[in-house]
């Protein structure tokens, strides 16, 4: 079973902070996002773009996935951002404030015009309109690979309160997961703002994993270990998966129509889930 590369921990870093970009080479996150949008001040956009391009070209980040978030398509910076991404070899480009298929297609066209036919596109869903158009976004381009929920902007846009458990945005989160799963994309949960609140982050990661998210967007290195553990299979869960597969195969070899594992009836769907968990573990091991 083929599983896309692990994206348990996706750390956003200000592209204009050269010291932070250097530190990222030592961090155990799966993905590093050089952020040209929210984390880079207007008077630092050119600097941030230059540093992000230089960092990607220079490498030194091991197997970490390197991604660039460009500025929104309603700004004066996005076209220069596209040109920079097209020539530096980043793994993916994140498009913020996507509210439909057109934004993804505009970015794809701009990449092609710049001679880039390989960089994949990630789309951020950050508004009520974006959530309602999630399926359109998910099917906008064959180069689209990932959906990210921007929970801060989404909460603001729908005038909801930021409360533990995230009840006001659960429908939106679930909608994003459904759109991603329906079309074979990765889907990432939004950030947790209080980076010193390990307990709160743990609860939100556990919730996101239970909902079906592949990983968590992060804003601080302190959050990496919690996200990695929450969205990665544990040694005990891998052992249980192997035992379940073995029990099912033994029952099938004996000509039994059903199999029992741990006192519960199991069937093919449980085996597929177990095999996927082991594939995820193997992908993480291979990316270490």
C-alpha atoms as a PDB file:
ATOM      1  CA  UNK A   1       0.000   0.000   0.000  1.00  0.00           C
ATOM      2  CA  UNK A   2       1.477   3.332  -1.098  1.00  0.00           C
ATOM      3  CA  UNK A   3       1.161   6.220   1.345  1.00  0.00           C
ATOM      4  CA  UNK A   4       2.195   9.789   0.578  1.00  0.00           C
ATOM      5  CA  UNK A   5       5.072  11.184   2.566  1.00  0.00           C
ATOM      6  CA  UNK A   6       4.312  11.900   6.230  1.00  0.00           C
ATOM      7  CA  UNK A   7       3.013  15.359   7.064  1.00  0.00           C
ATOM      8  CA  UNK A   8       2.354  14.972  10.765  1.00  0.00           C
ATOM      9  CA  UNK A   9       4.051  18.250  11.653  1.00  0.00           C
ATOM     10  CA  UNK A  10       3.964  21.152   9.197  1.00  0.00           C
ATOM     11  CA  UNK A  11       5.879  24.069  10.682  1.00  0.00           C
ATOM     12  CA  UNK A  12       5.286  27.585   9.356  1.00  0.00           C
ATOM     13  CA  UNK A  13       8.328  29.848   9.668  1.00  0.00           C
ATOM     14  CA  UNK A  14       8.762  33.538   8.747  1.00  0.00           C
ATOM     15  CA  UNK A  15      10.726  33.530   5.513  1.00  0.00           C
ATOM     16  CA  UNK A  16      12.378  36.836   6.408  1.00  0.00           C
ATOM     17  CA  UNK A  17      13.970  35.394   9.571  1.00  0.00           C
ATOM     18  CA  UNK A  18      17.271  33.957   8.386  1.00  0.00           C
ATOM     19  CA  UNK A  19      18.152  32.653  11.842  1.00  0.00           C
ATOM     20  CA  UNK A  20      14.870  30.719  12.060  1.00  0.00           C
ATOM     21  CA  UNK A  21      15.406  29.200   8.624  1.00  0.00           C
ATOM     22  CA  UNK A  22      18.821  27.979   9.684  1.00  0.00           C
ATOM     23  CA  UNK A  23      17.451  26.518  12.921  1.00  0.00           C
ATOM     24  CA  UNK A  24      14.818  24.628  10.955  1.00  0.00           C
ATOM     25  CA  UNK A  25      17.556  22.365   9.595  1.00  0.00           C
ATOM     26  CA  UNK A  26      17.757  20.717  13.009  1.00  0.00           C
ATOM     27  CA  UNK A  27      14.049  20.413  13.819  1.00  0.00           C
ATOM     28  CA  UNK A  28      12.227  17.039  13.690  1.00  0.00           C
ATOM     29  CA  UNK A  29       9.230  18.300  11.702  1.00  0.00           C
ATOM     30  CA  UNK A  30       8.086  16.562   8.525  1.00  0.00           C
ATOM     31  CA  UNK A  31       7.491  19.746   6.545  1.00  0.00           C
ATOM     32  CA  UNK A  32       8.855  23.284   6.720  1.00  0.00           C
ATOM     33  CA  UNK A  33       6.801  26.130   5.272  1.00  0.00           C
ATOM     34  CA  UNK A  34       8.721  29.257   4.369  1.00  0.00           C
ATOM     35  CA  UNK A  35       5.920  31.745   4.890  1.00  0.00           C
ATOM     36  CA  UNK A  36       5.819  34.831   2.669  1.00  0.00           C
ATOM     37  CA  UNK A  37       2.299  35.751   3.772  1.00  0.00           C
ATOM     38  CA  UNK A  38       1.157  36.336   7.358  1.00  0.00           C
ATOM     39  CA  UNK A  39       4.525  35.745   9.021  1.00  0.00           C
ATOM     40  CA  UNK A  40       6.389  38.217   6.786  1.00  0.00           C
ATOM     41  CA  UNK A  41       5.804  41.946   7.255  1.00  0.00           C
ATOM     42  CA  UNK A  42       4.948  44.053   4.173  1.00  0.00           C
ATOM     43  CA  UNK A  43       8.330  45.786   4.211  1.00  0.00           C
ATOM     44  CA  UNK A  44      10.091  42.400   4.406  1.00  0.00           C
ATOM     45  CA  UNK A  45       8.380  40.658   1.479  1.00  0.00           C
ATOM     46  CA  UNK A  46      11.290  41.012  -0.945  1.00  0.00           C
ATOM     47  CA  UNK A  47      13.778  39.893   1.698  1.00  0.00           C
ATOM     48  CA  UNK A  48      11.619  36.948   2.705  1.00  0.00           C
ATOM     49  CA  UNK A  49      11.228  35.821  -0.899  1.00  0.00           C
ATOM     50  CA  UNK A  50      14.968  36.003  -1.519  1.00  0.00           C
ATOM     51  CA  UNK A  51      15.794  34.111   1.667  1.00  0.00           C
ATOM     52  CA  UNK A  52      13.205  31.401   0.984  1.00  0.00           C
ATOM     53  CA  UNK A  53      14.546  30.825  -2.520  1.00  0.00           C
ATOM     54  CA  UNK A  54      18.122  30.739  -1.253  1.00  0.00           C
ATOM     55  CA  UNK A  55      17.211  28.276   1.512  1.00  0.00           C
ATOM     56  CA  UNK A  56      15.481  25.861  -0.857  1.00  0.00           C
ATOM     57  CA  UNK A  57      18.311  26.025  -3.384  1.00  0.00           C
ATOM     58  CA  UNK A  58      21.022  25.587  -0.770  1.00  0.00           C
ATOM     59  CA  UNK A  59      19.332  22.638   0.888  1.00  0.00           C
ATOM     60  CA  UNK A  60      20.741  21.187   4.072  1.00  0.00           C
ATOM     61  CA  UNK A  61      17.292  20.271   5.403  1.00  0.00           C
ATOM     62  CA  UNK A  62      17.694  16.532   5.038  1.00  0.00           C
ATOM     63  CA  UNK A  63      14.480  14.737   4.118  1.00  0.00           C
ATOM     64  CA  UNK A  64      12.271  17.536   5.372  1.00  0.00           C
ATOM     65  CA  UNK A  65       9.728  18.662   2.803  1.00  0.00           C
ATOM     66  CA  UNK A  66      10.277  22.318   1.815  1.00  0.00           C
ATOM     67  CA  UNK A  67       7.186  24.343   0.936  1.00  0.00           C
ATOM     68  CA  UNK A  68       6.590  28.037   0.262  1.00  0.00           C
ATOM     69  CA  UNK A  69       3.390  29.887   1.137  1.00  0.00           C
ATOM     70  CA  UNK A  70       2.900  32.783  -1.253  1.00  0.00           C
ATOM     71  CA  UNK A  71       0.936  35.949  -0.685  1.00  0.00           C
ATOM     72  CA  UNK A  72      -2.745  36.084  -1.593  1.00  0.00           C
ATOM     73  CA  UNK A  73      -3.897  36.618  -5.151  1.00  0.00           C
ATOM     74  CA  UNK A  74      -5.425  39.924  -4.092  1.00  0.00           C
ATOM     75  CA  UNK A  75      -1.983  41.372  -3.273  1.00  0.00           C
ATOM     76  CA  UNK A  76       0.769  42.964  -5.340  1.00  0.00           C
ATOM     77  CA  UNK A  77       3.291  40.281  -4.373  1.00  0.00           C
ATOM     78  CA  UNK A  78       1.892  36.967  -5.512  1.00  0.00           C
ATOM     79  CA  UNK A  79       3.186  36.978  -9.090  1.00  0.00           C
ATOM     80  CA  UNK A  80       6.757  37.615  -7.955  1.00  0.00           C
ATOM     81  CA  UNK A  81       6.259  34.878  -5.389  1.00  0.00           C
ATOM     82  CA  UNK A  82       5.166  32.471  -8.135  1.00  0.00           C
ATOM     83  CA  UNK A  83       8.212  33.291 -10.244  1.00  0.00           C
ATOM     84  CA  UNK A  84      10.454  32.637  -7.241  1.00  0.00           C
ATOM     85  CA  UNK A  85       8.830  29.291  -6.462  1.00  0.00           C
ATOM     86  CA  UNK A  86       9.016  28.229 -10.087  1.00  0.00           C
ATOM     87  CA  UNK A  87      12.778  28.605 -10.215  1.00  0.00           C
ATOM     88  CA  UNK A  88      13.835  27.351  -6.794  1.00  0.00           C
ATOM     89  CA  UNK A  89      12.554  23.779  -6.745  1.00  0.00           C
ATOM     90  CA  UNK A  90      10.306  23.845  -3.667  1.00  0.00           C
ATOM     91  CA  UNK A  91       8.232  20.707  -3.167  1.00  0.00           C
ATOM     92  CA  UNK A  92       4.954  22.614  -3.063  1.00  0.00           C
ATOM     93  CA  UNK A  93       3.372  26.038  -3.128  1.00  0.00           C
ATOM     94  CA  UNK A  94       0.677  27.012  -0.634  1.00  0.00           C
ATOM     95  CA  UNK A  95      -2.034  29.335  -1.906  1.00  0.00           C
ATOM     96  CA  UNK A  96      -3.781  31.260   0.893  1.00  0.00           C
ATOM     97  CA  UNK A  97      -7.386  32.448   0.965  1.00  0.00           C
ATOM     98  CA  UNK A  98      -8.599  30.056  -1.725  1.00  0.00           C
ATOM     99  CA  UNK A  99     -12.355  30.333  -2.217  1.00  0.00           C
ATOM    100  CA  UNK A 100     -12.899  28.261  -5.328  1.00  0.00           C
ATOM    101  CA  UNK A 101     -11.323  26.464  -8.244  1.00  0.00           C
ATOM    102  CA  UNK A 102     -10.316  29.655 -10.065  1.00  0.00           C
ATOM    103  CA  UNK A 103      -7.581  30.616  -7.592  1.00  0.00           C
ATOM    104  CA  UNK A 104      -5.928  27.203  -7.906  1.00  0.00           C
ATOM    105  CA  UNK A 105      -6.159  27.352 -11.685  1.00  0.00           C
ATOM    106  CA  UNK A 106      -4.673  30.862 -11.761  1.00  0.00           C
ATOM    107  CA  UNK A 107      -1.693  29.687  -9.755  1.00  0.00           C
ATOM    108  CA  UNK A 108      -1.273  26.619 -11.944  1.00  0.00           C
ATOM    109  CA  UNK A 109      -1.348  28.771 -15.082  1.00  0.00           C
ATOM    110  CA  UNK A 110       1.207  31.173 -13.593  1.00  0.00           C
ATOM    111  CA  UNK A 111       3.523  28.288 -12.686  1.00  0.00           C
ATOM    112  CA  UNK A 112       3.283  26.853 -16.188  1.00  0.00           C
ATOM    113  CA  UNK A 113       3.954  30.278 -17.698  1.00  0.00           C
ATOM    114  CA  UNK A 114       7.065  30.477 -15.525  1.00  0.00           C
ATOM    115  CA  UNK A 115       8.204  27.102 -16.858  1.00  0.00           C
ATOM    116  CA  UNK A 116       7.262  25.051 -13.786  1.00  0.00           C
ATOM    117  CA  UNK A 117       5.339  21.869 -14.526  1.00  0.00           C
ATOM    118  CA  UNK A 118       6.219  19.950 -11.367  1.00  0.00           C
ATOM    119  CA  UNK A 119       5.592  21.947  -8.178  1.00  0.00           C
ATOM    120  CA  UNK A 120       2.392  20.731  -6.571  1.00  0.00           C
ATOM    121  CA  UNK A 121      -0.255  23.042  -5.148  1.00  0.00           C
ATOM    122  CA  UNK A 122      -1.686  23.162  -1.646  1.00  0.00           C
ATOM    123  CA  UNK A 123      -4.829  25.207  -1.018  1.00  0.00           C
ATOM    124  CA  UNK A 124      -5.793  26.921   2.221  1.00  0.00           C
ATOM    125  CA  UNK A 125      -9.474  26.991   3.159  1.00  0.00           C
ATOM    126  CA  UNK A 126      -9.906  29.979   5.460  1.00  0.00           C
ATOM    127  CA  UNK A 127     -13.401  31.380   4.911  1.00  0.00           C
ATOM    128  CA  UNK A 128     -17.018  30.273   4.913  1.00  0.00           C
ATOM    129  CA  UNK A 129     -17.057  30.462   1.118  1.00  0.00           C
ATOM    130  CA  UNK A 130     -13.952  28.289   0.934  1.00  0.00           C
ATOM    131  CA  UNK A 131     -15.561  25.554   3.011  1.00  0.00           C
ATOM    132  CA  UNK A 132     -18.727  25.661   0.931  1.00  0.00           C
ATOM    133  CA  UNK A 133     -16.573  25.361  -2.204  1.00  0.00           C
ATOM    134  CA  UNK A 134     -14.265  22.679  -0.791  1.00  0.00           C
ATOM    135  CA  UNK A 135     -15.172  20.096  -3.417  1.00  0.00           C
ATOM    136  CA  UNK A 136     -14.600  22.587  -6.244  1.00  0.00           C
ATOM    137  CA  UNK A 137     -11.173  23.360  -4.799  1.00  0.00           C
ATOM    138  CA  UNK A 138     -10.335  19.691  -4.369  1.00  0.00           C
ATOM    139  CA  UNK A 139     -11.046  19.020  -8.057  1.00  0.00           C
ATOM    140  CA  UNK A 140      -9.581  22.245  -9.457  1.00  0.00           C
ATOM    141  CA  UNK A 141      -6.321  20.831 -10.794  1.00  0.00           C
ATOM    142  CA  UNK A 142      -4.411  17.549 -11.092  1.00  0.00           C
ATOM    143  CA  UNK A 143      -1.535  19.380  -9.410  1.00  0.00           C
ATOM    144  CA  UNK A 144      -3.537  19.968  -6.244  1.00  0.00           C
ATOM    145  CA  UNK A 145      -2.251  17.653  -3.523  1.00  0.00           C
ATOM    146  CA  UNK A 146      -3.249  19.042  -0.141  1.00  0.00           C
ATOM    147  CA  UNK A 147      -5.970  21.024   1.618  1.00  0.00           C
ATOM    148  CA  UNK A 148      -5.170  23.033   4.750  1.00  0.00           C
ATOM    149  CA  UNK A 149      -7.794  24.520   7.047  1.00  0.00           C
ATOM    150  CA  UNK A 150      -6.868  28.012   8.228  1.00  0.00           C
ATOM    151  CA  UNK A 151      -8.811  27.885  11.471  1.00  0.00           C
ATOM    152  CA  UNK A 152      -7.866  31.344  12.729  1.00  0.00           C
ATOM    153  CA  UNK A 153      -9.206  33.164   9.685  1.00  0.00           C
ATOM    154  CA  UNK A 154     -12.131  30.773   9.375  1.00  0.00           C
ATOM    155  CA  UNK A 155     -13.232  31.409  12.955  1.00  0.00           C
ATOM    156  CA  UNK A 156     -13.005  35.139  12.358  1.00  0.00           C
ATOM    157  CA  UNK A 157     -14.890  34.925   9.067  1.00  0.00           C
ATOM    158  CA  UNK A 158     -17.883  33.099  10.518  1.00  0.00           C
ATOM    159  CA  UNK A 159     -17.849  35.291  13.666  1.00  0.00           C
ATOM    160  CA  UNK A 160     -17.456  32.303  15.928  1.00  0.00           C
ATOM    161  CA  UNK A 161     -15.792  32.130  19.317  1.00  0.00           C
ATOM    162  CA  UNK A 162     -12.479  30.362  19.908  1.00  0.00           C
ATOM    163  CA  UNK A 163     -13.411  27.766  22.496  1.00  0.00           C
ATOM    164  CA  UNK A 164     -11.897  24.478  23.684  1.00  0.00           C
ATOM    165  CA  UNK A 165     -13.192  21.627  21.570  1.00  0.00           C
ATOM    166  CA  UNK A 166     -13.727  23.920  18.542  1.00  0.00           C
ATOM    167  CA  UNK A 167     -17.447  23.199  18.360  1.00  0.00           C
ATOM    168  CA  UNK A 168     -18.182  26.268  16.165  1.00  0.00           C
ATOM    169  CA  UNK A 169     -15.916  25.015  13.354  1.00  0.00           C
ATOM    170  CA  UNK A 170     -16.329  21.246  13.574  1.00  0.00           C
ATOM    171  CA  UNK A 171     -18.652  21.126  10.572  1.00  0.00           C
ATOM    172  CA  UNK A 172     -16.129  23.097   8.532  1.00  0.00           C
ATOM    173  CA  UNK A 173     -13.276  20.837   9.612  1.00  0.00           C
ATOM    174  CA  UNK A 174     -15.255  17.728   8.734  1.00  0.00           C
ATOM    175  CA  UNK A 175     -16.201  19.185   5.348  1.00  0.00           C
ATOM    176  CA  UNK A 176     -12.536  19.762   4.510  1.00  0.00           C
ATOM    177  CA  UNK A 177     -11.679  16.185   5.481  1.00  0.00           C
ATOM    178  CA  UNK A 178     -14.522  14.820   3.347  1.00  0.00           C
ATOM    179  CA  UNK A 179     -13.432  16.849   0.307  1.00  0.00           C
ATOM    180  CA  UNK A 180      -9.825  15.725   0.687  1.00  0.00           C
ATOM    181  CA  UNK A 181     -10.660  12.071   1.183  1.00  0.00           C
ATOM    182  CA  UNK A 182     -13.134  12.008  -1.696  1.00  0.00           C
ATOM    183  CA  UNK A 183     -10.386  12.999  -4.119  1.00  0.00           C
ATOM    184  CA  UNK A 184      -7.295  11.440  -2.594  1.00  0.00           C
ATOM    185  CA  UNK A 185      -5.641  14.511  -1.077  1.00  0.00           C
ATOM    186  CA  UNK A 186      -3.719  15.107   2.121  1.00  0.00           C
ATOM    187  CA  UNK A 187      -5.600  17.291   4.607  1.00  0.00           C
ATOM    188  CA  UNK A 188      -4.027  19.310   7.416  1.00  0.00           C
ATOM    189  CA  UNK A 189      -5.585  20.735  10.566  1.00  0.00           C
ATOM    190  CA  UNK A 190      -5.151  24.384  11.511  1.00  0.00           C
ATOM    191  CA  UNK A 191      -2.760  25.903  14.021  1.00  0.00           C
ATOM    192  CA  UNK A 192      -3.009  25.964  17.797  1.00  0.00           C
ATOM    193  CA  UNK A 193      -2.112  29.479  18.901  1.00  0.00           C
ATOM    194  CA  UNK A 194      -0.907  28.973  22.468  1.00  0.00           C
ATOM    195  CA  UNK A 195       2.389  27.232  21.758  1.00  0.00           C
ATOM    196  CA  UNK A 196       3.197  26.909  25.465  1.00  0.00           C
ATOM    197  CA  UNK A 197      -0.038  25.037  26.208  1.00  0.00           C
ATOM    198  CA  UNK A 198       1.046  21.445  25.634  1.00  0.00           C
ATOM    199  CA  UNK A 199      -2.148  19.993  27.104  1.00  0.00           C
ATOM    200  CA  UNK A 200      -4.382  22.070  24.861  1.00  0.00           C
ATOM    201  CA  UNK A 201      -2.335  21.215  21.781  1.00  0.00           C
ATOM    202  CA  UNK A 202      -2.445  17.529  22.660  1.00  0.00           C
ATOM    203  CA  UNK A 203      -6.233  17.630  22.926  1.00  0.00           C
ATOM    204  CA  UNK A 204      -6.558  19.402  19.588  1.00  0.00           C
ATOM    205  CA  UNK A 205      -4.150  16.994  17.867  1.00  0.00           C
ATOM    206  CA  UNK A 206      -6.070  14.031  19.268  1.00  0.00           C
ATOM    207  CA  UNK A 207      -9.288  15.559  17.987  1.00  0.00           C
ATOM    208  CA  UNK A 208      -7.815  16.235  14.561  1.00  0.00           C
ATOM    209  CA  UNK A 209      -6.464  12.705  14.248  1.00  0.00           C
ATOM    210  CA  UNK A 210      -9.835  11.261  15.267  1.00  0.00           C
ATOM    211  CA  UNK A 211     -11.530  13.369  12.588  1.00  0.00           C
ATOM    212  CA  UNK A 212      -9.222  12.045   9.887  1.00  0.00           C
ATOM    213  CA  UNK A 213      -6.609  14.770   9.462  1.00  0.00           C
ATOM    214  CA  UNK A 214      -3.138  13.694   8.348  1.00  0.00           C
ATOM    215  CA  UNK A 215      -1.267  16.248  10.415  1.00  0.00           C
ATOM    216  CA  UNK A 216      -1.196  19.643  12.067  1.00  0.00           C
ATOM    217  CA  UNK A 217      -0.081  23.091  10.966  1.00  0.00           C
ATOM    218  CA  UNK A 218       2.304  24.438  13.595  1.00  0.00           C
ATOM    219  CA  UNK A 219       3.634  27.862  14.562  1.00  0.00           C
ATOM    220  CA  UNK A 220       6.439  26.963  16.969  1.00  0.00           C
ATOM    221  CA  UNK A 221       9.106  24.248  17.305  1.00  0.00           C
ATOM    222  CA  UNK A 222       7.783  23.381  20.780  1.00  0.00           C
ATOM    223  CA  UNK A 223       4.713  21.897  19.096  1.00  0.00           C
ATOM    224  CA  UNK A 224       6.526  19.434  16.838  1.00  0.00           C
ATOM    225  CA  UNK A 225       6.948  16.441  19.133  1.00  0.00           C
ATOM    226  CA  UNK A 226       3.315  16.449  20.218  1.00  0.00           C
ATOM    227  CA  UNK A 227       2.077  16.572  16.628  1.00  0.00           C
ATOM    228  CA  UNK A 228       4.475  13.851  15.504  1.00  0.00           C
ATOM    229  CA  UNK A 229       3.340  11.519  18.245  1.00  0.00           C
ATOM    230  CA  UNK A 230      -0.350  12.277  17.787  1.00  0.00           C
ATOM    231  CA  UNK A 231      -0.421  11.766  14.022  1.00  0.00           C
ATOM    232  CA  UNK A 232       2.091   8.933  13.843  1.00  0.00           C
ATOM    233  CA  UNK A 233       1.341   5.258  14.630  1.00  0.00           C
ATOM    234  CA  UNK A 234       2.689   4.093  17.974  1.00  0.00           C
ATOM    235  CA  UNK A 235       4.754   0.935  18.372  1.00  0.00           C
ATOM    236  CA  UNK A 236       1.841  -0.734  20.166  1.00  0.00           C
ATOM    237  CA  UNK A 237      -0.659   0.172  17.435  1.00  0.00           C
ATOM    238  CA  UNK A 238       1.711  -1.230  14.798  1.00  0.00           C
ATOM    239  CA  UNK A 239       2.066  -4.454  16.755  1.00  0.00           C
ATOM    240  CA  UNK A 240      -1.699  -4.715  17.063  1.00  0.00           C
ATOM    241  CA  UNK A 241      -2.104  -4.092  13.328  1.00  0.00           C
ATOM    242  CA  UNK A 242       0.292  -6.915  12.484  1.00  0.00           C
ATOM    243  CA  UNK A 243      -1.507  -9.269  14.860  1.00  0.00           C
ATOM    244  CA  UNK A 244      -4.892  -8.371  13.351  1.00  0.00           C
ATOM    245  CA  UNK A 245      -3.650  -9.039   9.827  1.00  0.00           C
ATOM    246  CA  UNK A 246      -2.193 -12.354  10.950  1.00  0.00           C
ATOM    247  CA  UNK A 247      -5.452 -13.397  12.631  1.00  0.00           C
ATOM    248  CA  UNK A 248      -7.452 -12.568   9.519  1.00  0.00           C
ATOM    249  CA  UNK A 249      -5.061 -14.435   7.223  1.00  0.00           C
ATOM    250  CA  UNK A 250      -5.054 -17.500   9.479  1.00  0.00           C
ATOM    251  CA  UNK A 251      -8.857 -17.552   9.505  1.00  0.00           C
ATOM    252  CA  UNK A 252      -8.964 -17.229   5.716  1.00  0.00           C
ATOM    253  CA  UNK A 253      -6.402 -20.025   5.285  1.00  0.00           C
ATOM    254  CA  UNK A 254      -8.543 -22.272   7.490  1.00  0.00           C
ATOM    255  CA  UNK A 255     -11.532 -21.605   5.279  1.00  0.00           C
ATOM    256  CA  UNK A 256     -13.397 -19.661   7.928  1.00  0.00           C
ATOM    257  CA  UNK A 257     -15.864 -17.059   6.751  1.00  0.00           C
ATOM    258  CA  UNK A 258     -15.199 -14.772   9.665  1.00  0.00           C
ATOM    259  CA  UNK A 259     -12.236 -13.885  11.861  1.00  0.00           C
ATOM    260  CA  UNK A 260     -12.057 -12.809  15.474  1.00  0.00           C
ATOM    261  CA  UNK A 261      -9.393 -10.581  16.970  1.00  0.00           C
ATOM    262  CA  UNK A 262      -9.380  -9.172  20.468  1.00  0.00           C
ATOM    263  CA  UNK A 263     -12.850 -10.532  21.053  1.00  0.00           C
ATOM    264  CA  UNK A 264     -14.261  -8.645  18.059  1.00  0.00           C
ATOM    265  CA  UNK A 265     -15.349  -9.688  14.600  1.00  0.00           C
ATOM    266  CA  UNK A 266     -12.999  -8.385  11.918  1.00  0.00           C
ATOM    267  CA  UNK A 267     -13.351  -8.204   8.162  1.00  0.00           C
ATOM    268  CA  UNK A 268     -11.474  -6.965   5.114  1.00  0.00           C
ATOM    269  CA  UNK A 269     -11.985  -3.285   5.921  1.00  0.00           C
ATOM    270  CA  UNK A 270     -10.201  -3.737   9.246  1.00  0.00           C
ATOM    271  CA  UNK A 271      -7.305  -5.402   7.462  1.00  0.00           C
ATOM    272  CA  UNK A 272      -7.052  -2.535   4.999  1.00  0.00           C
ATOM    273  CA  UNK A 273      -7.000  -0.055   7.882  1.00  0.00           C
ATOM    274  CA  UNK A 274      -4.254  -2.067   9.592  1.00  0.00           C
ATOM    275  CA  UNK A 275      -2.188  -2.239   6.399  1.00  0.00           C
ATOM    276  CA  UNK A 276      -2.512   1.494   5.877  1.00  0.00           C
ATOM    277  CA  UNK A 277      -1.355   2.176   9.439  1.00  0.00           C
ATOM    278  CA  UNK A 278       1.726   0.030   8.830  1.00  0.00           C
ATOM    279  CA  UNK A 279       2.355   1.811   5.516  1.00  0.00           C
ATOM    280  CA  UNK A 280       2.232   5.159   7.303  1.00  0.00           C
ATOM    281  CA  UNK A 281       4.709   3.882   9.886  1.00  0.00           C
ATOM    282  CA  UNK A 282       7.012   2.692   7.100  1.00  0.00           C
ATOM    283  CA  UNK A 283       6.788   6.086   5.367  1.00  0.00           C
ATOM    284  CA  UNK A 284       7.721   7.843   8.594  1.00  0.00           C
ATOM    285  CA  UNK A 285      10.631   5.481   9.154  1.00  0.00           C
ATOM    286  CA  UNK A 286      11.842   6.055   5.616  1.00  0.00           C
ATOM    287  CA  UNK A 287      11.626   9.810   6.055  1.00  0.00           C
ATOM    288  CA  UNK A 288      13.539   9.847   9.349  1.00  0.00           C
END
